[in-house]
Amino acid sequence: MPQESDAQSLSIAPQGELLRIALDHPSDLVMDLSIRCQDYPEEQAETSPDARLGTLLSRLLRYGVWIATATVLLGGILYLMRHGMEPVNYHLFRGEPDEFRSPQGVIDAVLAGRRRGIVQLGLLFLIATPILRVLVSFLFFLRQRDFIYVLITGLVMSGLLYSLLGAYF
């Protein structure tokens, strides 16, 4: 009779179309779980429309945040290279300059070579990323003819656009 120990062993082994998972317990109990590999084909999950949408949206959000981060970082470095040694007076509050209060003003500032404009452009990219996500979802649901989700994403899109652009019209 084998001596009892506190050790457990786990073995995972492919056996043809089966994946065998065995857990040996000190009490000489062997749990065996066999999963048929054909029951969960990875290719089928990858090609479903919902999986494609999820992959597209995750990449969109990831790259949007990376682009926004890189833009803010570049603008911040350029800003600090020029203005980093200037003393700062926090006793007097100065609001945002008028040129940075609209998307067009930010673009004009970037084209004029203003470093704060580059930082503001990165922040606009960050704000635009989830709005673009909702737009892509709207177009996807419209293509799939899923009109309940078209209505819902349309309402979300209109709320986002109104909150972003409503002050300018």
N, C-alpha and C. Protein backbone atom coordinates (compact mmCIF):
# COMPACT_ATOMS: atom_id res chain seq x y z
N MET A 1 0.84 -1.17 0.00
CA MET A 1 0.00 0.00 0.00
C MET A 1 0.89 1.24 0.00
N PRO A 2 0.65 2.17 -0.90
CA PRO A 2 1.50 3.35 -0.97
C PRO A 2 1.28 4.26 0.23
N GLN A 3 2.36 4.95 0.60
CA GLN A 3 2.27 5.89 1.70
C GLN A 3 1.52 7.13 1.24
N GLU A 4 0.74 7.64 2.20
CA GLU A 4 0.00 8.86 1.86
C GLU A 4 0.92 10.06 2.00
N SER A 5 0.80 10.97 1.05
CA SER A 5 1.56 12.21 1.10
C SER A 5 0.60 13.35 0.76
N ASP A 6 1.07 14.54 0.98
CA ASP A 6 0.25 15.70 0.67
C ASP A 6 0.38 16.11 -0.79
N ALA A 7 1.20 15.42 -1.54
CA ALA A 7 1.44 15.82 -2.92
C ALA A 7 0.30 15.36 -3.82
N GLN A 8 0.01 16.20 -4.79
CA GLN A 8 -0.96 15.87 -5.81
C GLN A 8 -0.26 15.99 -7.14
N SER A 9 -0.69 15.21 -8.10
CA SER A 9 -0.09 15.34 -9.42
C SER A 9 -1.19 15.57 -10.44
N LEU A 10 -0.87 16.38 -11.41
CA LEU A 10 -1.80 16.73 -12.47
C LEU A 10 -1.14 16.35 -13.77
N SER A 11 -1.88 15.61 -14.58
CA SER A 11 -1.33 15.26 -15.89
C SER A 11 -2.34 15.63 -16.97
N ILE A 12 -1.83 16.24 -18.02
CA ILE A 12 -2.65 16.61 -19.17
C ILE A 12 -1.99 15.99 -20.38
N ALA A 13 -2.75 15.18 -21.08
CA ALA A 13 -2.16 14.49 -22.23
C ALA A 13 -3.16 14.39 -23.36
N PRO A 14 -2.75 14.75 -24.57
CA PRO A 14 -3.63 14.54 -25.71
C PRO A 14 -3.65 13.07 -26.09
N GLN A 15 -4.83 12.57 -26.34
CA GLN A 15 -4.99 11.18 -26.76
C GLN A 15 -5.90 11.17 -27.98
N GLY A 16 -5.32 11.27 -29.15
CA GLY A 16 -6.12 11.32 -30.37
C GLY A 16 -6.93 12.58 -30.41
N GLU A 17 -8.24 12.45 -30.48
CA GLU A 17 -9.12 13.60 -30.49
C GLU A 17 -9.52 14.04 -29.09
N LEU A 18 -9.06 13.30 -28.08
CA LEU A 18 -9.41 13.61 -26.70
C LEU A 18 -8.26 14.29 -25.99
N LEU A 19 -8.60 15.14 -25.05
CA LEU A 19 -7.62 15.74 -24.17
C LEU A 19 -7.91 15.16 -22.79
N ARG A 20 -6.98 14.40 -22.23
CA ARG A 20 -7.19 13.74 -20.95
C ARG A 20 -6.52 14.53 -19.85
N ILE A 21 -7.31 14.90 -18.84
CA ILE A 21 -6.80 15.61 -17.69
C ILE A 21 -7.04 14.73 -16.48
N ALA A 22 -5.98 14.35 -15.80
CA ALA A 22 -6.10 13.47 -14.63
C ALA A 22 -5.46 14.14 -13.43
N LEU A 23 -6.15 14.08 -12.30
CA LEU A 23 -5.64 14.63 -11.05
C LEU A 23 -5.53 13.48 -10.06
N ASP A 24 -4.31 13.15 -9.68
CA ASP A 24 -4.08 12.09 -8.71
C ASP A 24 -4.05 12.71 -7.33
N HIS A 25 -4.91 12.22 -6.45
CA HIS A 25 -5.04 12.76 -5.10
C HIS A 25 -4.39 11.79 -4.12
N PRO A 26 -3.90 12.26 -2.97
CA PRO A 26 -3.25 11.36 -2.00
C PRO A 26 -4.15 10.22 -1.53
N SER A 27 -5.43 10.36 -1.60
CA SER A 27 -6.30 9.31 -1.12
C SER A 27 -6.50 8.22 -2.17
N ASP A 28 -5.58 8.11 -3.12
CA ASP A 28 -5.62 7.14 -4.22
C ASP A 28 -6.82 7.32 -5.11
N LEU A 29 -7.49 8.46 -5.04
CA LEU A 29 -8.61 8.76 -5.91
C LEU A 29 -8.05 9.44 -7.15
N VAL A 30 -8.44 8.96 -8.28
CA VAL A 30 -7.99 9.56 -9.53
C VAL A 30 -9.20 10.16 -10.22
N MET A 31 -9.16 11.48 -10.42
CA MET A 31 -10.23 12.13 -11.16
C MET A 31 -9.79 12.23 -12.60
N ASP A 32 -10.66 11.83 -13.49
CA ASP A 32 -10.31 11.82 -14.89
C ASP A 32 -11.36 12.61 -15.65
N LEU A 33 -10.94 13.60 -16.38
CA LEU A 33 -11.83 14.41 -17.18
C LEU A 33 -11.32 14.39 -18.60
N SER A 34 -12.11 13.89 -19.49
CA SER A 34 -11.72 13.84 -20.89
C SER A 34 -12.61 14.79 -21.68
N ILE A 35 -12.01 15.63 -22.47
CA ILE A 35 -12.74 16.60 -23.27
C ILE A 35 -12.48 16.29 -24.73
N ARG A 36 -13.53 16.18 -25.48
CA ARG A 36 -13.39 15.94 -26.90
C ARG A 36 -13.00 17.25 -27.56
N CYS A 37 -11.87 17.27 -28.26
CA CYS A 37 -11.35 18.49 -28.85
C CYS A 37 -12.26 19.06 -29.92
N GLN A 38 -13.06 18.22 -30.56
CA GLN A 38 -13.95 18.71 -31.61
C GLN A 38 -15.13 19.48 -31.05
N ASP A 39 -15.42 19.32 -29.75
CA ASP A 39 -16.56 20.02 -29.15
C ASP A 39 -16.35 21.52 -29.08
N TYR A 40 -15.12 21.96 -29.04
CA TYR A 40 -14.81 23.37 -28.90
C TYR A 40 -13.81 23.81 -29.96
N PRO A 41 -14.20 23.83 -31.22
CA PRO A 41 -13.23 24.25 -32.24
C PRO A 41 -12.96 25.75 -32.15
N GLU A 42 -11.68 26.09 -32.12
CA GLU A 42 -11.31 27.50 -32.00
C GLU A 42 -11.64 28.28 -33.26
N GLU A 43 -11.54 27.63 -34.41
CA GLU A 43 -11.79 28.34 -35.66
C GLU A 43 -13.23 28.83 -35.74
N GLN A 44 -14.18 28.05 -35.23
CA GLN A 44 -15.58 28.43 -35.30
C GLN A 44 -15.84 29.67 -34.45
N ALA A 45 -15.24 29.75 -33.27
CA ALA A 45 -15.45 30.90 -32.41
C ALA A 45 -14.81 32.15 -33.01
N GLU A 46 -13.70 31.98 -33.72
CA GLU A 46 -13.00 33.11 -34.31
C GLU A 46 -13.77 33.72 -35.47
N THR A 47 -14.55 32.93 -36.19
CA THR A 47 -15.19 33.44 -37.40
C THR A 47 -16.62 33.91 -37.18
N SER A 48 -17.16 33.77 -35.99
CA SER A 48 -18.52 34.23 -35.76
C SER A 48 -18.54 35.76 -35.83
N PRO A 49 -19.65 36.34 -36.27
CA PRO A 49 -19.72 37.81 -36.37
C PRO A 49 -19.49 38.52 -35.04
N ASP A 50 -19.98 37.96 -33.96
CA ASP A 50 -19.78 38.59 -32.65
C ASP A 50 -18.31 38.58 -32.25
N ALA A 51 -17.62 37.49 -32.55
CA ALA A 51 -16.19 37.41 -32.23
C ALA A 51 -15.40 38.39 -33.08
N ARG A 52 -15.77 38.51 -34.35
CA ARG A 52 -15.07 39.48 -35.21
C ARG A 52 -15.29 40.91 -34.72
N LEU A 53 -16.52 41.23 -34.31
CA LEU A 53 -16.80 42.56 -33.78
C LEU A 53 -16.00 42.81 -32.51
N GLY A 54 -15.97 41.82 -31.63
CA GLY A 54 -15.21 41.97 -30.39
C GLY A 54 -13.73 42.19 -30.65
N THR A 55 -13.18 41.44 -31.59
CA THR A 55 -11.77 41.60 -31.94
C THR A 55 -11.51 42.97 -32.54
N LEU A 56 -12.39 43.40 -33.45
CA LEU A 56 -12.25 44.71 -34.09
C LEU A 56 -12.32 45.83 -33.06
N LEU A 57 -13.29 45.76 -32.15
CA LEU A 57 -13.45 46.82 -31.16
C LEU A 57 -12.30 46.84 -30.16
N SER A 58 -11.80 45.67 -29.78
CA SER A 58 -10.68 45.65 -28.83
C SER A 58 -9.44 46.24 -29.47
N ARG A 59 -9.21 45.93 -30.75
CA ARG A 59 -8.05 46.52 -31.44
C ARG A 59 -8.22 48.02 -31.61
N LEU A 60 -9.43 48.44 -31.95
CA LEU A 60 -9.71 49.87 -32.11
C LEU A 60 -9.43 50.63 -30.82
N LEU A 61 -9.91 50.12 -29.71
CA LEU A 61 -9.69 50.79 -28.43
C LEU A 61 -8.21 50.78 -28.04
N ARG A 62 -7.56 49.64 -28.26
CA ARG A 62 -6.15 49.53 -27.90
C ARG A 62 -5.30 50.51 -28.71
N TYR A 63 -5.48 50.51 -30.02
CA TYR A 63 -4.66 51.38 -30.87
C TYR A 63 -5.04 52.85 -30.69
N GLY A 64 -6.30 53.13 -30.44
CA GLY A 64 -6.70 54.51 -30.17
C GLY A 64 -6.04 55.06 -28.93
N VAL A 65 -5.98 54.26 -27.88
CA VAL A 65 -5.33 54.70 -26.65
C VAL A 65 -3.83 54.85 -26.86
N TRP A 66 -3.23 53.93 -27.60
CA TRP A 66 -1.79 54.03 -27.88
C TRP A 66 -1.46 55.29 -28.69
N ILE A 67 -2.27 55.58 -29.70
CA ILE A 67 -2.03 56.78 -30.52
C ILE A 67 -2.21 58.03 -29.66
N ALA A 68 -3.26 58.06 -28.85
CA ALA A 68 -3.48 59.22 -27.98
C ALA A 68 -2.33 59.39 -26.99
N THR A 69 -1.88 58.30 -26.41
CA THR A 69 -0.78 58.35 -25.45
C THR A 69 0.50 58.85 -26.10
N ALA A 70 0.81 58.32 -27.28
CA ALA A 70 2.02 58.75 -27.98
C ALA A 70 1.95 60.23 -28.35
N THR A 71 0.78 60.70 -28.76
CA THR A 71 0.63 62.10 -29.13
C THR A 71 0.79 63.01 -27.92
N VAL A 72 0.16 62.66 -26.80
CA VAL A 72 0.29 63.47 -25.58
C VAL A 72 1.73 63.45 -25.08
N LEU A 73 2.37 62.28 -25.14
CA LEU A 73 3.75 62.17 -24.70
C LEU A 73 4.68 63.03 -25.56
N LEU A 74 4.50 62.97 -26.86
CA LEU A 74 5.32 63.78 -27.76
C LEU A 74 5.10 65.27 -27.48
N GLY A 75 3.85 65.69 -27.38
CA GLY A 75 3.56 67.09 -27.09
C GLY A 75 4.09 67.52 -25.74
N GLY A 76 3.98 66.64 -24.74
CA GLY A 76 4.48 66.96 -23.41
C GLY A 76 5.99 67.11 -23.39
N ILE A 77 6.69 66.22 -24.08
CA ILE A 77 8.15 66.33 -24.15
C ILE A 77 8.56 67.62 -24.85
N LEU A 78 7.93 67.91 -25.99
CA LEU A 78 8.25 69.15 -26.71
C LEU A 78 7.93 70.38 -25.87
N TYR A 79 6.82 70.33 -25.14
CA TYR A 79 6.44 71.46 -24.29
C TYR A 79 7.46 71.67 -23.17
N LEU A 80 7.87 70.58 -22.52
CA LEU A 80 8.83 70.70 -21.43
C LEU A 80 10.21 71.11 -21.91
N MET A 81 10.57 70.72 -23.13
CA MET A 81 11.86 71.15 -23.67
C MET A 81 11.91 72.66 -23.83
N ARG A 82 10.78 73.27 -24.14
CA ARG A 82 10.76 74.71 -24.35
C ARG A 82 10.40 75.48 -23.08
N HIS A 83 9.44 74.97 -22.31
CA HIS A 83 8.93 75.72 -21.15
C HIS A 83 9.24 75.06 -19.82
N GLY A 84 10.06 74.04 -19.78
CA GLY A 84 10.28 73.28 -18.55
C GLY A 84 10.96 74.03 -17.44
N MET A 85 11.76 75.03 -17.76
CA MET A 85 12.50 75.76 -16.73
C MET A 85 11.81 77.04 -16.28
N GLU A 86 10.63 77.34 -16.84
CA GLU A 86 9.91 78.55 -16.45
C GLU A 86 9.27 78.36 -15.08
N PRO A 87 9.32 79.40 -14.23
CA PRO A 87 8.67 79.27 -12.92
C PRO A 87 7.15 79.24 -13.09
N VAL A 88 6.50 78.50 -12.21
CA VAL A 88 5.05 78.34 -12.28
C VAL A 88 4.42 79.09 -11.12
N ASN A 89 3.36 79.84 -11.40
CA ASN A 89 2.65 80.58 -10.37
C ASN A 89 1.24 79.98 -10.25
N TYR A 90 1.02 79.20 -9.19
CA TYR A 90 -0.27 78.57 -8.97
C TYR A 90 -1.23 79.45 -8.17
N HIS A 91 -0.81 80.63 -7.77
CA HIS A 91 -1.67 81.53 -7.00
C HIS A 91 -2.70 82.23 -7.87
N LEU A 92 -2.45 82.28 -9.15
CA LEU A 92 -3.34 82.94 -10.08
C LEU A 92 -3.89 81.91 -11.06
N PHE A 93 -5.21 81.80 -11.12
CA PHE A 93 -5.83 80.84 -12.03
C PHE A 93 -6.00 81.47 -13.40
N ARG A 94 -5.51 80.75 -14.40
CA ARG A 94 -5.69 81.17 -15.78
C ARG A 94 -6.46 80.07 -16.48
N GLY A 95 -7.58 80.42 -17.07
CA GLY A 95 -8.38 79.44 -17.79
C GLY A 95 -7.71 79.01 -19.09
N GLU A 96 -8.33 78.07 -19.72
CA GLU A 96 -7.82 77.56 -20.99
C GLU A 96 -7.91 78.66 -22.05
N PRO A 97 -6.87 78.86 -22.84
CA PRO A 97 -6.95 79.85 -23.91
C PRO A 97 -8.08 79.50 -24.89
N ASP A 98 -8.61 80.53 -25.52
CA ASP A 98 -9.74 80.34 -26.44
C ASP A 98 -9.43 79.38 -27.57
N GLU A 99 -8.19 79.33 -28.01
CA GLU A 99 -7.85 78.48 -29.14
C GLU A 99 -7.98 76.99 -28.82
N PHE A 100 -7.95 76.63 -27.55
CA PHE A 100 -8.05 75.22 -27.17
C PHE A 100 -9.46 74.82 -26.73
N ARG A 101 -10.43 75.66 -26.96
CA ARG A 101 -11.79 75.37 -26.52
C ARG A 101 -12.65 74.74 -27.60
N SER A 102 -12.08 74.48 -28.76
CA SER A 102 -12.83 73.82 -29.84
C SER A 102 -11.88 72.89 -30.59
N PRO A 103 -12.41 71.85 -31.19
CA PRO A 103 -11.55 70.96 -31.98
C PRO A 103 -10.83 71.70 -33.12
N GLN A 104 -11.52 72.64 -33.75
CA GLN A 104 -10.88 73.40 -34.83
C GLN A 104 -9.73 74.25 -34.29
N GLY A 105 -9.89 74.83 -33.11
CA GLY A 105 -8.83 75.61 -32.50
C GLY A 105 -7.61 74.76 -32.18
N VAL A 106 -7.85 73.54 -31.73
CA VAL A 106 -6.74 72.62 -31.43
C VAL A 106 -5.99 72.28 -32.71
N ILE A 107 -6.72 71.98 -33.76
CA ILE A 107 -6.07 71.65 -35.04
C ILE A 107 -5.28 72.84 -35.56
N ASP A 108 -5.84 74.04 -35.45
CA ASP A 108 -5.12 75.25 -35.88
C ASP A 108 -3.85 75.44 -35.05
N ALA A 109 -3.91 75.17 -33.75
CA ALA A 109 -2.74 75.31 -32.89
C ALA A 109 -1.65 74.31 -33.26
N VAL A 110 -2.05 73.08 -33.60
CA VAL A 110 -1.08 72.07 -34.01
C VAL A 110 -0.41 72.49 -35.32
N LEU A 111 -1.22 72.96 -36.27
CA LEU A 111 -0.67 73.39 -37.56
C LEU A 111 0.24 74.62 -37.41
N ALA A 112 0.00 75.41 -36.37
CA ALA A 112 0.85 76.56 -36.11
C ALA A 112 2.11 76.17 -35.34
N GLY A 113 2.23 74.90 -34.94
CA GLY A 113 3.42 74.42 -34.25
C GLY A 113 3.41 74.63 -32.75
N ARG A 114 2.26 74.88 -32.16
CA ARG A 114 2.17 75.08 -30.70
C ARG A 114 2.21 73.73 -30.01
N ARG A 115 3.07 73.62 -29.03
CA ARG A 115 3.27 72.33 -28.35
C ARG A 115 2.07 71.94 -27.50
N ARG A 116 1.43 72.90 -26.87
CA ARG A 116 0.22 72.59 -26.09
C ARG A 116 -0.88 72.07 -27.01
N GLY A 117 -0.87 72.51 -28.25
CA GLY A 117 -1.84 72.02 -29.22
C GLY A 117 -1.66 70.53 -29.49
N ILE A 118 -0.41 70.07 -29.48
CA ILE A 118 -0.16 68.63 -29.69
C ILE A 118 -0.71 67.82 -28.53
N VAL A 119 -0.51 68.33 -27.31
CA VAL A 119 -1.06 67.65 -26.13
C VAL A 119 -2.59 67.61 -26.22
N GLN A 120 -3.19 68.73 -26.57
CA GLN A 120 -4.65 68.80 -26.69
C GLN A 120 -5.16 67.88 -27.80
N LEU A 121 -4.39 67.75 -28.89
CA LEU A 121 -4.79 66.85 -29.96
C LEU A 121 -4.79 65.39 -29.47
N GLY A 122 -3.80 65.03 -28.66
CA GLY A 122 -3.78 63.69 -28.06
C GLY A 122 -5.00 63.44 -27.19
N LEU A 123 -5.41 64.46 -26.46
CA LEU A 123 -6.62 64.33 -25.63
C LEU A 123 -7.87 64.21 -26.49
N LEU A 124 -7.89 64.92 -27.62
CA LEU A 124 -9.02 64.75 -28.56
C LEU A 124 -9.05 63.34 -29.13
N PHE A 125 -7.88 62.77 -29.42
CA PHE A 125 -7.82 61.38 -29.89
C PHE A 125 -8.39 60.44 -28.83
N LEU A 126 -8.04 60.71 -27.57
CA LEU A 126 -8.53 59.88 -26.48
C LEU A 126 -10.05 59.98 -26.35
N ILE A 127 -10.59 61.17 -26.53
CA ILE A 127 -12.04 61.35 -26.46
C ILE A 127 -12.73 60.71 -27.66
N ALA A 128 -12.09 60.78 -28.83
CA ALA A 128 -12.70 60.27 -30.05
C ALA A 128 -12.69 58.74 -30.13
N THR A 129 -11.81 58.10 -29.39
CA THR A 129 -11.70 56.63 -29.48
C THR A 129 -12.98 55.91 -29.10
N PRO A 130 -13.62 56.17 -27.94
CA PRO A 130 -14.87 55.47 -27.65
C PRO A 130 -16.02 55.90 -28.56
N ILE A 131 -15.97 57.13 -29.06
CA ILE A 131 -17.01 57.56 -30.00
C ILE A 131 -16.88 56.77 -31.29
N LEU A 132 -15.65 56.56 -31.74
CA LEU A 132 -15.43 55.74 -32.93
C LEU A 132 -15.85 54.30 -32.70
N ARG A 133 -15.68 53.81 -31.47
CA ARG A 133 -16.12 52.46 -31.13
C ARG A 133 -17.63 52.33 -31.29
N VAL A 134 -18.37 53.32 -30.82
CA VAL A 134 -19.83 53.28 -30.94
C VAL A 134 -20.23 53.38 -32.41
N LEU A 135 -19.53 54.20 -33.19
CA LEU A 135 -19.82 54.32 -34.62
C LEU A 135 -19.58 53.01 -35.36
N VAL A 136 -18.48 52.34 -35.06
CA VAL A 136 -18.19 51.04 -35.69
C VAL A 136 -19.25 50.02 -35.29
N SER A 137 -19.66 50.02 -34.02
CA SER A 137 -20.72 49.10 -33.58
C SER A 137 -22.02 49.40 -34.31
N PHE A 138 -22.35 50.68 -34.47
CA PHE A 138 -23.56 51.07 -35.20
C PHE A 138 -23.53 50.54 -36.62
N LEU A 139 -22.42 50.74 -37.32
CA LEU A 139 -22.31 50.27 -38.70
C LEU A 139 -22.35 48.74 -38.78
N PHE A 140 -21.73 48.07 -37.81
CA PHE A 140 -21.76 46.61 -37.78
C PHE A 140 -23.19 46.09 -37.59
N PHE A 141 -23.91 46.67 -36.64
CA PHE A 141 -25.28 46.22 -36.40
C PHE A 141 -26.19 46.57 -37.58
N LEU A 142 -25.94 47.68 -38.23
CA LEU A 142 -26.71 48.04 -39.42
C LEU A 142 -26.46 47.03 -40.53
N ARG A 143 -25.23 46.63 -40.70
CA ARG A 143 -24.89 45.62 -41.73
C ARG A 143 -25.52 44.26 -41.41
N GLN A 144 -25.58 43.93 -40.12
CA GLN A 144 -26.17 42.65 -39.69
C GLN A 144 -27.70 42.70 -39.67
N ARG A 145 -28.26 43.90 -39.89
CA ARG A 145 -29.71 44.13 -39.86
C ARG A 145 -30.31 43.80 -38.50
N ASP A 146 -29.56 44.11 -37.45
CA ASP A 146 -30.02 43.93 -36.08
C ASP A 146 -30.52 45.29 -35.59
N PHE A 147 -31.78 45.59 -35.92
CA PHE A 147 -32.29 46.94 -35.77
C PHE A 147 -32.51 47.38 -34.32
N ILE A 148 -32.66 46.45 -33.41
CA ILE A 148 -32.77 46.83 -32.00
C ILE A 148 -31.43 47.44 -31.55
N TYR A 149 -30.34 46.79 -31.90
CA TYR A 149 -29.03 47.32 -31.53
C TYR A 149 -28.67 48.55 -32.35
N VAL A 150 -29.17 48.65 -33.57
CA VAL A 150 -28.98 49.87 -34.36
C VAL A 150 -29.62 51.04 -33.63
N LEU A 151 -30.83 50.84 -33.13
CA LEU A 151 -31.52 51.89 -32.39
C LEU A 151 -30.77 52.27 -31.12
N ILE A 152 -30.34 51.28 -30.37
CA ILE A 152 -29.64 51.54 -29.11
C ILE A 152 -28.33 52.27 -29.36
N THR A 153 -27.51 51.76 -30.30
CA THR A 153 -26.23 52.42 -30.56
C THR A 153 -26.44 53.79 -31.20
N GLY A 154 -27.52 53.96 -31.96
CA GLY A 154 -27.83 55.28 -32.52
C GLY A 154 -28.15 56.28 -31.42
N LEU A 155 -28.90 55.85 -30.41
CA LEU A 155 -29.20 56.74 -29.27
C LEU A 155 -27.93 57.08 -28.49
N VAL A 156 -27.08 56.08 -28.29
CA VAL A 156 -25.82 56.34 -27.58
C VAL A 156 -24.95 57.29 -28.39
N MET A 157 -24.88 57.07 -29.70
CA MET A 157 -24.08 57.94 -30.58
C MET A 157 -24.60 59.38 -30.56
N SER A 158 -25.90 59.54 -30.62
CA SER A 158 -26.44 60.90 -30.61
C SER A 158 -26.16 61.59 -29.28
N GLY A 159 -26.24 60.87 -28.18
CA GLY A 159 -25.91 61.46 -26.88
C GLY A 159 -24.44 61.85 -26.78
N LEU A 160 -23.56 61.00 -27.29
CA LEU A 160 -22.14 61.32 -27.27
C LEU A 160 -21.82 62.53 -28.13
N LEU A 161 -22.37 62.56 -29.33
CA LEU A 161 -22.09 63.67 -30.23
C LEU A 161 -22.68 64.98 -29.70
N TYR A 162 -23.86 64.92 -29.12
CA TYR A 162 -24.45 66.13 -28.56
C TYR A 162 -23.62 66.66 -27.40
N SER A 163 -23.16 65.76 -26.54
CA SER A 163 -22.35 66.21 -25.40
C SER A 163 -21.01 66.76 -25.84
N LEU A 164 -20.47 66.26 -26.94
CA LEU A 164 -19.19 66.73 -27.42
C LEU A 164 -19.31 68.02 -28.24
N LEU A 165 -20.32 68.09 -29.12
CA LEU A 165 -20.42 69.19 -30.07
C LEU A 165 -21.56 70.15 -29.80
N GLY A 166 -22.41 69.85 -28.85
CA GLY A 166 -23.59 70.66 -28.59
C GLY A 166 -23.30 72.11 -28.23
N ALA A 167 -22.20 72.36 -27.60
CA ALA A 167 -21.87 73.72 -27.19
C ALA A 167 -21.46 74.60 -28.37
N TYR A 168 -21.13 74.00 -29.50
CA TYR A 168 -20.64 74.77 -30.63
C TYR A 168 -21.72 75.12 -31.64
N PHE A 169 -22.92 74.62 -31.43
CA PHE A 169 -24.00 74.88 -32.41
C PHE A 169 -25.18 75.55 -31.75
